[in-house]
Amino acid sequence: MSNPGMYLTADGKEILSKGLLGKEIHFSKVAFGAGDFDYSTESVSDLTALRDWKIDLPIVDKVLEGGMVKIIAALKNFTIEDGFPAKEIGVFALDPDTGAEKLYAYRNAGDEYNFIPGGGSVVKKDIQFGYWIEIQDAPNVTFNIDYSFAHVQTIDFDAHVNSETPHPNTPTHYDDVETTSNFWATDEDSDLHKISVDNVKKILLDEIEEKVSLETKKLSELQEFITAKAELGLLEPNILQIENFNPPTLMDDTKIKITSCAKGGNLLSAKSLDGAKIGAEYFLTDGTNCEQVKIINIQISNSKILINNSQYVLTLENNLVNSYNLEETFLLRSNISHGTNFVKCCAPLQSRKWKSRETFQGYPSNVPRETKLDFSCDNFAAFKTDSAANFSNDFFTM
């Protein structure tokens, strides 16, 4: 169907005149009809309805420009039983005084109409039509827009996709937030929900507690496995029991990376055994938490039950009382090896006293010392003194 400009009816002109005085012009719908109209003998101004009404179309969008408005209507033919020639186009608006719906503008396509097939046919129609209508400078123009029929036009979609700010009302994660009481998070439904800071803390703490509990369970299962094997005399041949009776005090610079440990457990997975001695005591720390531990057994194994694929498992005398950040957790013999926080939470530094074997004492000032001066003939001319010199008290006082 061609989309020429629309002609105002007498009712339309009356509504427009009221709109120019500040009253509301409210466009309600568009309608199609199959009636005929002869522009040479008839006047659009006299029309109050379509000659042969067929279907109402909802308004889905509008465009305002220079005293004109483009009314955009949508058509879906699945509600039409019988097809028809869409010759008549009518735009309706409400009278601002009475609220009655009246024919505001009319156009007849004549022989240039499009045929609208019925919904039972093979052809399915889901299209939009746009018509320009005069509103001049009316300040209060509104529309009954049905957003359930709305379509996004290609030009509008491309503009949205290419925009630098496609969602201007959505918070950006680049903003620096110093203080907050709540923020937005997604749930299983993938929608945004407002969540308080206290709830976030609870979620994080519950997750950490669950992970720590899982690690404790894994270590507990490993301990039961090793203990049962040992009691039954069935320790695997690839497990090596290590004992070393070197004095623990020789290991002041020991620093062993720990790959797994859990609060309440007594097993550690270690990256290496450099400096690890059975019977020795260490400081376990991540730089913030710290406690003193004692190794009572060491295993080297390829068993699949070991944590984090580590070959080395250290058994402690007592269960751990703290949780640790495994990225920064070490076994140390010295409390200066892991940052300033470690110094605050561990025992005093080990030290060794130094004692010199010889000490320079000097000469007491009250002890006479004998001094020999060279009075040989070769030096006689250069040697000068007088009776004021006192060699016994001042010259060698120290």
Protein backbone atom coordinates (compact mmCIF):
# COMPACT_ATOMS: atom_id res chain seq x y z
CA MET A 1 0.00 0.00 0.00
CA SER A 2 1.31 3.45 -0.87
CA ASN A 3 1.75 5.82 2.06
CA PRO A 4 0.73 9.34 0.93
CA GLY A 5 0.00 12.20 3.28
CA MET A 6 -3.25 12.21 5.18
CA TYR A 7 -6.14 14.74 4.87
CA LEU A 8 -7.77 16.15 8.01
CA THR A 9 -11.49 15.67 8.52
CA ALA A 10 -13.75 18.35 10.01
CA ASP A 11 -13.48 16.58 13.37
CA GLY A 12 -9.70 16.46 12.94
CA LYS A 13 -9.50 20.19 12.28
CA GLU A 14 -11.60 20.88 15.39
CA ILE A 15 -9.38 18.67 17.57
CA LEU A 16 -6.25 20.40 16.13
CA SER A 17 -7.67 23.87 16.90
CA LYS A 18 -8.25 22.82 20.51
CA GLY A 19 -4.71 21.38 20.62
CA LEU A 20 -3.23 24.70 19.44
CA LEU A 21 -4.88 26.30 22.48
CA GLY A 22 -2.95 23.90 24.76
CA LYS A 23 -5.43 21.04 25.10
CA GLU A 24 -4.27 17.44 24.70
CA ILE A 25 -4.38 15.75 21.29
CA HIS A 26 -4.33 12.02 22.00
CA PHE A 27 -3.98 9.69 18.98
CA SER A 28 -5.67 6.37 19.74
CA LYS A 29 -5.38 4.03 16.72
CA VAL A 30 -5.13 3.49 12.96
CA ALA A 31 -7.78 1.58 10.99
CA PHE A 32 -8.00 -0.10 7.56
CA GLY A 33 -11.11 -0.36 5.41
CA ALA A 34 -12.15 -1.61 1.98
CA GLY A 35 -14.50 1.25 0.98
CA ASP A 36 -14.22 3.47 -2.10
CA PHE A 37 -13.87 7.25 -2.16
CA ASP A 38 -13.96 9.70 -5.10
CA TYR A 39 -11.77 12.73 -4.47
CA SER A 40 -13.31 14.53 -7.48
CA THR A 41 -16.85 14.56 -6.12
CA GLU A 42 -16.44 14.00 -2.38
CA SER A 43 -14.72 15.88 0.50
CA VAL A 44 -12.62 14.19 3.20
CA SER A 45 -13.77 16.92 5.57
CA ASP A 46 -17.29 15.40 5.66
CA LEU A 47 -16.13 11.91 6.74
CA THR A 48 -16.69 10.73 10.30
CA ALA A 49 -15.85 7.03 9.81
CA LEU A 50 -14.43 4.59 7.29
CA ARG A 51 -16.80 3.54 4.49
CA ASP A 52 -16.11 -0.20 5.00
CA TRP A 53 -14.15 -0.77 8.22
CA LYS A 54 -12.15 -4.03 8.36
CA ILE A 55 -9.48 -3.91 11.14
CA ASP A 56 -7.98 -1.64 13.83
CA LEU A 57 -4.18 -1.36 13.99
CA PRO A 58 -2.30 -0.48 17.21
CA ILE A 59 0.12 2.45 17.25
CA VAL A 60 3.63 1.16 17.97
CA ASP A 61 5.79 4.28 17.47
CA LYS A 62 5.81 7.93 16.38
CA VAL A 63 8.19 10.49 14.89
CA LEU A 64 7.73 14.26 15.47
CA GLU A 65 9.22 16.64 12.92
CA GLY A 66 8.42 20.26 11.87
CA GLY A 67 4.73 20.48 12.72
CA MET A 68 4.07 16.95 11.49
CA VAL A 69 3.89 13.59 13.23
CA LYS A 70 4.49 10.19 11.66
CA ILE A 71 2.10 7.63 13.14
CA ILE A 72 3.54 4.09 12.87
CA ALA A 73 1.04 1.21 13.10
CA ALA A 74 1.55 -2.58 13.09
CA LEU A 75 -0.43 -5.26 11.25
CA LYS A 76 -0.58 -9.01 12.00
CA ASN A 77 -3.10 -10.79 9.81
CA PHE A 78 -3.53 -13.93 11.92
CA THR A 79 -6.64 -12.36 13.51
CA ILE A 80 -8.31 -11.72 10.13
CA GLU A 81 -10.70 -14.39 8.87
CA ASP A 82 -11.14 -13.16 5.28
CA GLY A 83 -8.70 -11.16 3.18
CA PHE A 84 -9.62 -7.69 1.90
CA PRO A 85 -8.31 -4.82 -0.28
CA ALA A 86 -6.86 -2.21 2.11
CA LYS A 87 -8.02 0.95 0.35
CA GLU A 88 -8.99 3.15 3.32
CA ILE A 89 -6.59 4.39 6.00
CA GLY A 90 -7.94 6.29 8.98
CA VAL A 91 -6.16 7.83 11.99
CA PHE A 92 -8.29 8.37 15.10
CA ALA A 93 -7.86 10.77 18.03
CA LEU A 94 -9.81 11.65 21.19
CA ASP A 95 -11.77 14.89 21.47
CA PRO A 96 -10.08 16.78 24.37
CA ASP A 97 -13.46 18.07 25.62
CA THR A 98 -15.71 14.99 25.34
CA GLY A 99 -13.17 12.11 25.22
CA ALA A 100 -15.00 10.67 22.19
CA GLU A 101 -12.88 8.88 19.59
CA LYS A 102 -13.15 10.61 16.20
CA LEU A 103 -11.70 10.22 12.71
CA TYR A 104 -8.84 12.75 12.68
CA ALA A 105 -7.32 12.08 9.23
CA TYR A 106 -8.22 9.97 6.18
CA ARG A 107 -6.63 8.67 2.99
CA ASN A 108 -7.95 6.37 0.25
CA ALA A 109 -5.40 4.49 -1.87
CA GLY A 110 -7.91 3.79 -4.66
CA ASP A 111 -6.53 1.30 -7.19
CA GLU A 112 -3.05 1.39 -5.54
CA TYR A 113 -4.16 -0.65 -2.54
CA ASN A 114 -2.48 -3.73 -1.09
CA PHE A 115 -4.48 -6.88 -0.54
CA ILE A 116 -4.35 -8.16 3.05
CA PRO A 117 -4.73 -11.98 3.09
CA GLY A 118 -6.66 -13.74 5.85
CA GLY A 119 -4.87 -15.43 8.69
CA GLY A 120 -5.73 -18.90 7.42
CA SER A 121 -3.84 -18.35 4.17
CA VAL A 122 -0.28 -19.38 3.41
CA VAL A 123 0.87 -15.72 3.44
CA LYS A 124 1.58 -14.36 6.93
CA LYS A 125 1.73 -10.60 7.39
CA ASP A 126 3.65 -8.94 10.21
CA ILE A 127 4.47 -5.45 8.95
CA GLN A 128 4.43 -1.77 9.93
CA PHE A 129 2.88 1.26 8.20
CA GLY A 130 3.76 4.93 8.73
CA TYR A 131 1.60 7.98 7.93
CA TRP A 132 2.44 11.69 8.25
CA ILE A 133 -0.27 13.84 9.88
CA GLU A 134 -0.46 17.59 10.51
CA ILE A 135 -0.30 18.79 14.14
CA GLN A 136 1.31 22.23 13.53
CA ASP A 137 2.60 23.70 16.85
CA ALA A 138 0.26 21.85 19.21
CA PRO A 139 2.21 21.64 22.47
CA ASN A 140 0.46 18.64 24.07
CA VAL A 141 0.37 15.62 21.72
CA THR A 142 0.20 12.09 23.15
CA PHE A 143 -0.14 8.60 21.73
CA ASN A 144 -1.71 5.30 22.75
CA ILE A 145 1.33 3.15 21.99
CA ASP A 146 1.02 -0.63 22.27
CA TYR A 147 4.55 -1.81 23.09
CA SER A 148 3.58 -5.49 22.77
CA PHE A 149 3.51 -4.98 18.97
CA ALA A 150 6.67 -2.90 18.83
CA HIS A 151 9.44 -3.76 16.37
CA VAL A 152 13.01 -2.49 16.39
CA GLN A 153 13.85 -0.97 13.04
CA THR A 154 17.19 -1.83 11.48
CA ILE A 155 18.43 1.78 11.63
CA ASP A 156 17.55 2.00 15.33
CA PHE A 157 19.16 -1.36 16.14
CA ASP A 158 22.38 -0.43 14.32
CA ALA A 159 22.50 2.89 16.18
CA HIS A 160 22.10 1.03 19.50
CA VAL A 161 24.83 -1.51 18.70
CA ASN A 162 27.30 1.14 17.52
CA SER A 163 26.61 3.60 20.34
CA GLU A 164 29.39 4.31 22.86
CA THR A 165 26.73 4.47 25.59
CA PRO A 166 24.05 1.90 24.57
CA HIS A 167 22.79 1.62 28.14
CA PRO A 168 23.25 5.07 29.71
CA ASN A 169 21.28 4.23 32.87
CA THR A 170 23.26 1.07 33.64
CA PRO A 171 26.08 1.51 36.23
CA THR A 172 29.55 1.01 34.78
CA HIS A 173 32.12 -1.17 36.53
CA TYR A 174 34.78 1.43 35.79
CA ASP A 175 33.37 3.75 38.45
CA ASP A 176 35.37 3.81 41.69
CA VAL A 177 33.10 3.26 44.68
CA GLU A 178 34.59 4.12 48.06
CA THR A 179 31.59 3.47 50.30
CA THR A 180 28.37 1.55 49.68
CA SER A 181 25.60 -0.24 51.55
CA ASN A 182 24.40 -2.39 48.65
CA PHE A 183 25.01 -3.10 44.97
CA TRP A 184 23.68 -5.27 42.13
CA ALA A 185 24.36 -8.95 41.56
CA THR A 186 22.92 -11.72 39.37
CA ASP A 187 21.16 -14.81 40.67
CA GLU A 188 20.31 -18.13 39.00
CA ASP A 189 17.64 -16.35 36.95
CA SER A 190 20.41 -14.15 35.39
CA ASP A 191 18.50 -11.02 36.45
CA LEU A 192 19.99 -8.16 38.48
CA HIS A 193 19.02 -8.03 42.15
CA LYS A 194 19.99 -5.51 44.82
CA ILE A 195 22.18 -7.16 47.46
CA SER A 196 23.48 -5.71 50.71
CA VAL A 197 27.13 -5.70 51.76
CA ASP A 198 26.26 -7.87 54.79
CA ASN A 199 24.76 -10.54 52.53
CA VAL A 200 27.88 -10.49 50.36
CA LYS A 201 30.04 -11.03 53.43
CA LYS A 202 27.87 -13.98 54.45
CA ILE A 203 28.06 -15.54 50.98
CA LEU A 204 31.85 -15.20 50.86
CA LEU A 205 32.37 -16.49 54.41
CA ASP A 206 30.05 -19.46 53.83
CA GLU A 207 31.93 -20.31 50.65
CA ILE A 208 35.31 -20.09 52.39
CA GLU A 209 34.04 -22.20 55.29
CA GLU A 210 32.73 -24.82 52.85
CA LYS A 211 36.07 -24.98 51.01
CA VAL A 212 38.01 -25.22 54.28
CA SER A 213 35.66 -27.99 55.44
CA LEU A 214 36.24 -29.84 52.16
CA GLU A 215 40.03 -29.56 52.49
CA THR A 216 39.80 -30.77 56.09
CA LYS A 217 37.77 -33.75 54.93
CA LYS A 218 40.31 -34.59 52.23
CA LEU A 219 43.20 -34.37 54.68
CA SER A 220 41.27 -36.40 57.25
CA GLU A 221 40.61 -39.12 54.68
CA LEU A 222 44.32 -39.16 53.79
CA GLN A 223 45.28 -39.45 57.47
CA GLU A 224 42.85 -42.38 57.95
CA PHE A 225 44.21 -44.05 54.81
CA ILE A 226 47.84 -43.80 55.94
CA THR A 227 47.04 -44.82 59.54
CA ALA A 228 45.03 -47.86 58.44
CA LYS A 229 47.77 -49.00 56.05
CA ALA A 230 50.41 -48.64 58.75
CA GLU A 231 48.37 -50.55 61.37
CA LEU A 232 47.73 -53.41 58.95
CA GLY A 233 51.32 -53.46 57.74
CA LEU A 234 50.15 -52.73 54.21
CA LEU A 235 51.96 -49.50 53.47
CA GLU A 236 52.56 -49.23 49.74
CA PRO A 237 56.13 -49.86 48.58
CA ASN A 238 56.22 -46.41 46.94
CA ILE A 239 55.77 -44.70 50.32
CA LEU A 240 59.06 -43.76 51.98
CA GLN A 241 59.18 -43.07 55.71
CA ILE A 242 61.79 -40.41 56.48
CA GLU A 243 63.62 -39.89 59.73
CA ASN A 244 66.45 -37.45 60.33
CA PHE A 245 68.11 -36.90 63.69
CA ASN A 246 70.09 -33.77 62.86
CA PRO A 247 69.67 -31.06 65.50
CA PRO A 248 66.68 -28.86 64.52
CA THR A 249 68.65 -25.72 65.44
CA LEU A 250 70.77 -26.18 62.32
CA MET A 251 67.81 -25.23 60.08
CA ASP A 252 67.45 -21.50 60.77
CA ASP A 253 67.00 -20.59 57.07
CA THR A 254 64.39 -23.23 56.23
CA LYS A 255 61.44 -21.98 54.13
CA ILE A 256 59.05 -24.66 52.81
CA LYS A 257 56.12 -23.74 50.52
CA ILE A 258 52.84 -25.29 51.73
CA THR A 259 50.31 -26.21 49.00
CA SER A 260 47.47 -27.48 51.20
CA CYS A 261 46.37 -27.26 54.82
CA ALA A 262 43.09 -26.88 56.66
CA LYS A 263 41.92 -25.61 59.99
CA GLY A 264 41.30 -28.53 62.37
CA GLY A 265 43.53 -30.92 60.43
CA ASN A 266 47.07 -32.11 61.16
CA LEU A 267 48.38 -32.74 57.62
CA LEU A 268 50.31 -30.41 55.34
CA SER A 269 51.04 -30.86 51.64
CA ALA A 270 54.46 -29.39 50.82
CA LYS A 271 56.10 -28.39 47.56
CA SER A 272 59.49 -29.68 48.75
CA LEU A 273 61.23 -31.22 51.77
CA ASP A 274 64.18 -28.82 51.91
CA GLY A 275 64.89 -28.46 55.62
CA ALA A 276 61.95 -30.59 56.82
CA LYS A 277 62.97 -32.75 59.81
CA ILE A 278 60.91 -35.16 61.87
CA GLY A 279 60.78 -33.96 65.47
CA ALA A 280 61.56 -30.34 64.52
CA GLU A 281 59.33 -27.42 65.36
CA TYR A 282 58.44 -24.69 62.85
CA PHE A 283 56.33 -21.61 62.39
CA LEU A 284 53.41 -22.07 59.93
CA THR A 285 52.37 -18.65 58.57
CA ASP A 286 50.84 -16.79 55.64
CA GLY A 287 52.15 -13.43 56.88
CA THR A 288 48.99 -12.73 58.89
CA ASN A 289 48.10 -15.91 60.80
CA CYS A 290 50.79 -17.95 62.50
CA GLU A 291 51.20 -20.88 64.85
CA GLN A 292 54.01 -23.12 66.04
CA VAL A 293 53.88 -26.72 64.75
CA LYS A 294 55.92 -29.89 65.15
CA ILE A 295 56.50 -32.48 62.41
CA ILE A 296 56.08 -36.09 63.60
CA ASN A 297 56.05 -37.88 60.25
CA ILE A 298 56.89 -37.31 56.57
CA GLN A 299 55.61 -39.30 53.59
CA ILE A 300 56.67 -39.28 49.96
CA SER A 301 54.05 -40.91 47.77
CA ASN A 302 52.57 -41.04 44.28
CA SER A 303 49.16 -42.10 45.60
CA LYS A 304 46.18 -40.43 43.87
CA ILE A 305 44.64 -39.56 47.23
CA LEU A 306 47.28 -36.91 47.91
CA ILE A 307 46.16 -33.28 47.81
CA ASN A 308 47.07 -30.95 44.92
CA ASN A 309 49.19 -33.67 43.28
CA SER A 310 51.88 -33.10 45.91
CA GLN A 311 54.36 -35.86 46.63
CA TYR A 312 55.13 -34.62 50.14
CA VAL A 313 52.80 -34.90 53.14
CA LEU A 314 53.86 -33.73 56.61
CA THR A 315 52.03 -35.01 59.68
CA LEU A 316 51.88 -32.57 62.62
CA GLU A 317 51.75 -33.34 66.31
CA ASN A 318 48.62 -31.20 66.85
CA ASN A 319 45.69 -30.00 64.74
CA LEU A 320 45.87 -26.52 63.19
CA VAL A 321 43.93 -23.72 64.89
CA ASN A 322 44.03 -21.18 62.00
CA SER A 323 42.97 -20.99 58.35
CA TYR A 324 45.65 -19.86 55.88
CA ASN A 325 45.95 -18.19 52.49
CA LEU A 326 47.69 -20.97 50.55
CA GLU A 327 49.21 -18.51 48.08
CA GLU A 328 51.41 -17.15 50.88
CA THR A 329 51.74 -20.05 53.35
CA PHE A 330 55.18 -21.34 54.39
CA LEU A 331 56.89 -23.40 57.10
CA LEU A 332 59.70 -21.29 58.57
CA ARG A 333 62.42 -21.72 61.15
CA SER A 334 63.05 -17.95 61.41
CA ASN A 335 60.40 -15.34 62.09
CA ILE A 336 62.09 -12.68 59.91
CA SER A 337 61.64 -14.61 56.66
CA HIS A 338 58.05 -13.73 55.82
CA GLY A 339 57.38 -10.02 56.17
CA THR A 340 56.72 -7.62 59.03
CA ASN A 341 53.33 -9.10 59.94
CA PHE A 342 55.04 -12.36 60.79
CA VAL A 343 57.29 -10.69 63.36
CA LYS A 344 54.23 -9.54 65.32
CA CYS A 345 52.63 -12.98 65.63
CA CYS A 346 55.55 -15.36 66.23
CA ALA A 347 58.11 -16.12 68.91
CA PRO A 348 61.27 -13.98 69.39
CA LEU A 349 64.16 -14.31 66.96
CA GLN A 350 66.75 -16.98 67.58
CA SER A 351 70.17 -15.51 68.38
CA ARG A 352 73.75 -16.54 69.05
CA LYS A 353 76.17 -14.66 71.31
CA TRP A 354 79.61 -13.69 69.99
CA LYS A 355 82.62 -13.43 72.29
CA SER A 356 86.00 -12.21 71.11
CA ARG A 357 89.11 -14.21 72.02
CA GLU A 358 91.43 -11.19 72.28
CA THR A 359 90.81 -7.70 73.57
CA PHE A 360 93.14 -4.71 73.16
CA GLN A 361 93.74 -3.32 76.65
CA GLY A 362 96.07 -0.32 76.00
CA TYR A 363 98.67 1.01 78.54
CA PRO A 364 97.75 2.53 81.93
CA SER A 365 98.85 6.17 82.24
CA ASN A 366 100.37 5.68 85.72
CA VAL A 367 102.89 3.05 84.58
CA PRO A 368 106.30 4.48 83.54
CA ARG A 369 107.47 3.31 80.14
CA GLU A 370 111.00 3.33 78.88
CA THR A 371 111.61 5.14 75.60
CA LYS A 372 114.86 4.98 73.65
CA LEU A 373 115.83 7.97 71.50
CA ASP A 374 118.34 7.71 68.70
CA PHE A 375 121.25 9.98 69.63
CA SER A 376 123.62 8.60 67.02
CA CYS A 377 126.00 10.99 65.33
CA ASP A 378 124.05 10.79 62.06
CA ASN A 379 120.88 12.14 63.72
CA PHE A 380 122.46 14.50 66.20
CA ALA A 381 122.06 17.65 64.09
CA ALA A 382 118.32 16.99 63.50
CA PHE A 383 117.45 16.13 67.13
CA LYS A 384 116.35 19.15 69.21
CA THR A 385 114.69 19.42 72.62
CA ASP A 386 114.65 21.69 75.65
CA SER A 387 114.46 21.35 79.39
CA ALA A 388 110.60 21.72 79.38
CA ALA A 389 110.01 18.23 77.87
CA ASN A 390 108.68 15.66 80.33
CA PHE A 391 108.91 12.20 78.84
CA SER A 392 107.82 10.25 81.93
CA ASN A 393 104.18 11.48 82.24
CA ASP A 394 102.65 13.15 79.16
CA PHE A 395 104.28 11.79 76.04
CA PHE A 396 102.93 8.17 76.23
CA THR A 397 99.74 8.62 78.22
CA MET A 398 96.90 6.43 76.78
